[in-house]
Amino acid sequence: MKKVRIILLAAIILVLWITYRMTGEKGVVAPDEEMTKVTYVFDGDTIEVTGGRRVRYIGVNTPEIAHAGTKEECYGTSAKNENFSLVQGKTVRLVSDISDTDSYGRLLRYVYAGNEFINDTLVRRGFARAEPITPDTEFAQQFFSAQTEAQQNGRGLWSACKSSVDRPQ
């Protein structure tokens, strides 16, 4: 009987450890969260995840890459490459705010790779601008602070794109 208890306890500990490793510090995935794998990076702020679903990062905007007859904005390819290095092929945690999708049918989410908050990282490193859109503004102040830090330190697009015309709007 004692051996069965030890095995049962070990199994419970193993399940808890696996859950922690898959979901980060929280230990559980909340109803407004989802764990999924990134299958494609479209640009600096849009990805595709398992099931072919497109996800647009909430609260940030990266320069556009060239597509469908449009010209690339300053730092667009750099932003896409940074996003690729942060999330491509990784299991990420998607967290919703108020809106579920945008007018293009993309999921609107905050994205985490491990404990790294990708939306914030892109702004802080100068690959994106803070661009909160009501009602999805939970981290707006954090993103504006990250942008100010990036601007003051001349990171990314804030030094590479010299004029306001070159910077994403």
Protein backbone atom coordinates (compact mmCIF):
# COMPACT_ATOMS: atom_id res chain seq x y z
CA MET A 1 0.00 0.00 0.00
CA LYS A 2 2.85 2.36 0.85
CA LYS A 3 4.44 1.73 -2.58
CA VAL A 4 1.15 2.63 -4.33
CA ARG A 5 0.95 5.91 -2.38
CA ILE A 6 4.51 6.81 -3.34
CA ILE A 7 3.83 6.09 -7.02
CA LEU A 8 0.59 8.10 -6.89
CA LEU A 9 2.35 11.03 -5.22
CA ALA A 10 5.16 10.90 -7.81
CA ALA A 11 2.57 10.90 -10.63
CA ILE A 12 0.81 13.94 -9.16
CA ILE A 13 4.10 15.80 -8.81
CA LEU A 14 5.01 14.93 -12.41
CA VAL A 15 1.66 16.21 -13.73
CA LEU A 16 2.03 19.45 -11.75
CA TRP A 17 5.59 19.93 -13.03
CA ILE A 18 4.53 19.34 -16.67
CA THR A 19 1.62 21.77 -16.26
CA TYR A 20 3.96 24.41 -14.84
CA ARG A 21 6.48 23.97 -17.67
CA MET A 22 3.78 24.26 -20.33
CA THR A 23 1.93 27.24 -18.89
CA GLY A 24 4.62 29.34 -17.23
CA GLU A 25 4.43 30.77 -13.75
CA LYS A 26 0.65 30.69 -13.47
CA GLY A 27 0.48 26.88 -13.43
CA VAL A 28 -2.86 26.88 -15.22
CA VAL A 29 -4.22 28.29 -18.44
CA ALA A 30 -7.02 30.74 -17.69
CA PRO A 31 -10.24 30.68 -19.75
CA ASP A 32 -9.07 33.73 -21.73
CA GLU A 33 -5.75 32.04 -22.58
CA GLU A 34 -4.62 29.39 -25.01
CA MET A 35 -1.39 27.50 -25.60
CA THR A 36 -0.61 26.97 -29.30
CA LYS A 37 2.28 26.70 -31.72
CA VAL A 38 3.39 29.43 -34.15
CA THR A 39 3.42 28.01 -37.67
CA TYR A 40 4.16 31.16 -39.70
CA VAL A 41 5.24 34.77 -39.19
CA PHE A 42 3.57 37.18 -41.63
CA ASP A 43 5.25 40.37 -40.42
CA GLY A 44 6.28 42.11 -37.22
CA ASP A 45 2.88 41.95 -35.54
CA THR A 46 0.93 39.14 -37.21
CA ILE A 47 1.45 35.39 -36.95
CA GLU A 48 -0.29 32.17 -37.85
CA VAL A 49 -0.83 29.49 -35.23
CA THR A 50 -1.96 25.87 -35.25
CA GLY A 51 -5.13 25.41 -37.25
CA GLY A 52 -4.25 28.19 -39.70
CA ARG A 53 -5.58 30.94 -37.44
CA ARG A 54 -4.09 34.42 -37.84
CA VAL A 55 -3.21 36.39 -34.73
CA ARG A 56 -2.66 40.16 -34.60
CA TYR A 57 -0.72 41.45 -31.59
CA ILE A 58 -2.80 43.79 -29.42
CA GLY A 59 -1.62 47.31 -28.67
CA VAL A 60 1.38 47.52 -30.98
CA ASN A 61 2.07 48.34 -34.61
CA THR A 62 5.16 47.41 -36.61
CA PRO A 63 6.25 48.88 -39.94
CA GLU A 64 4.68 47.17 -42.93
CA ILE A 65 6.60 44.86 -45.25
CA ALA A 66 6.09 45.08 -49.01
CA HIS A 67 2.95 43.21 -50.13
CA ALA A 68 0.13 43.45 -52.65
CA GLY A 69 1.55 46.43 -54.49
CA THR A 70 2.49 48.37 -51.37
CA LYS A 71 5.98 49.52 -50.57
CA GLU A 72 7.88 48.45 -47.46
CA GLU A 73 7.99 50.93 -44.60
CA CYS A 74 11.29 51.72 -42.94
CA TYR A 75 12.31 48.83 -40.65
CA GLY A 76 9.51 46.50 -41.84
CA THR A 77 11.77 43.56 -42.70
CA SER A 78 13.75 44.04 -39.49
CA ALA A 79 10.54 43.92 -37.44
CA LYS A 80 9.42 40.75 -39.22
CA ASN A 81 12.81 39.11 -38.67
CA GLU A 82 12.78 39.99 -34.97
CA ASN A 83 9.28 38.60 -34.55
CA PHE A 84 10.37 35.44 -36.40
CA SER A 85 13.32 34.96 -34.05
CA LEU A 86 11.09 35.43 -31.00
CA VAL A 87 8.19 33.10 -31.88
CA GLN A 88 8.61 30.97 -35.04
CA GLY A 89 8.00 27.29 -34.27
CA LYS A 90 7.54 27.96 -30.57
CA THR A 91 4.63 27.17 -28.33
CA VAL A 92 3.15 30.49 -27.24
CA ARG A 93 0.47 31.58 -24.82
CA LEU A 94 -2.24 33.75 -26.36
CA VAL A 95 -4.15 36.01 -24.00
CA SER A 96 -7.26 37.92 -25.02
CA ASP A 97 -8.41 41.35 -23.89
CA ILE A 98 -11.92 42.64 -24.67
CA SER A 99 -12.19 42.12 -28.46
CA ASP A 100 -11.82 38.64 -29.89
CA THR A 101 -11.10 39.55 -33.53
CA ASP A 102 -10.39 42.56 -35.73
CA SER A 103 -12.18 43.64 -38.92
CA TYR A 104 -9.99 41.21 -40.93
CA GLY A 105 -11.03 38.22 -38.80
CA ARG A 106 -7.64 37.91 -37.09
CA LEU A 107 -7.56 36.94 -33.42
CA LEU A 108 -6.46 39.88 -31.26
CA ARG A 109 -4.08 38.65 -28.56
CA TYR A 110 -1.24 39.41 -26.22
CA VAL A 111 1.47 36.86 -27.00
CA TYR A 112 3.93 35.23 -24.60
CA ALA A 113 6.81 32.90 -25.49
CA GLY A 114 7.73 31.35 -22.17
CA ASN A 115 7.77 34.30 -19.78
CA GLU A 116 8.63 36.83 -22.49
CA PHE A 117 5.81 39.26 -23.35
CA ILE A 118 6.31 39.55 -27.13
CA ASN A 119 4.11 42.65 -27.65
CA ASP A 120 6.17 44.55 -25.07
CA THR A 121 9.51 43.18 -26.27
CA LEU A 122 8.91 44.41 -29.82
CA VAL A 123 8.15 47.94 -28.58
CA ARG A 124 10.96 48.00 -26.01
CA ARG A 125 13.54 46.91 -28.61
CA GLY A 126 12.35 49.50 -31.13
CA PHE A 127 10.68 47.18 -33.64
CA ALA A 128 7.15 48.46 -32.94
CA ARG A 129 5.20 51.50 -31.79
CA ALA A 130 2.65 51.52 -29.00
CA GLU A 131 -0.76 51.71 -30.63
CA PRO A 132 -3.58 50.82 -28.26
CA ILE A 133 -7.03 50.63 -29.80
CA THR A 134 -10.06 50.88 -27.54
CA PRO A 135 -11.37 48.77 -25.90
CA ASP A 136 -8.20 46.60 -25.84
CA THR A 137 -6.00 48.79 -23.66
CA GLU A 138 -4.99 46.69 -20.65
CA PHE A 139 -1.24 47.22 -21.29
CA ALA A 140 -1.39 50.61 -23.05
CA GLN A 141 0.60 52.45 -20.38
CA GLN A 142 3.25 49.71 -20.30
CA PHE A 143 3.62 49.91 -24.09
CA PHE A 144 3.90 53.71 -24.06
CA SER A 145 6.60 53.47 -21.37
CA ALA A 146 8.46 50.87 -23.43
CA GLN A 147 8.22 53.13 -26.50
CA THR A 148 9.57 56.12 -24.58
CA GLU A 149 12.50 54.00 -23.40
CA ALA A 150 13.22 52.82 -26.96
CA GLN A 151 13.02 56.38 -28.32
CA GLN A 152 15.29 57.82 -25.63
CA ASN A 153 17.85 55.11 -26.29
CA GLY A 154 17.58 55.31 -30.09
CA ARG A 155 16.66 51.65 -30.45
CA GLY A 156 15.55 50.10 -33.70
CA LEU A 157 13.29 52.18 -35.88
CA TRP A 158 13.81 55.22 -33.65
CA SER A 159 17.37 55.59 -35.00
CA ALA A 160 17.12 53.72 -38.32
CA CYS A 161 14.13 55.69 -39.57
CA LYS A 162 15.34 59.25 -39.27
CA SER A 163 12.27 61.20 -40.32
CA SER A 164 8.70 60.91 -39.07
CA VAL A 165 7.74 60.11 -42.66
CA ASP A 166 9.86 56.94 -42.46
CA ARG A 167 8.37 55.79 -39.17
CA PRO A 168 5.20 53.68 -39.10
CA GLN A 169 2.05 55.62 -38.40
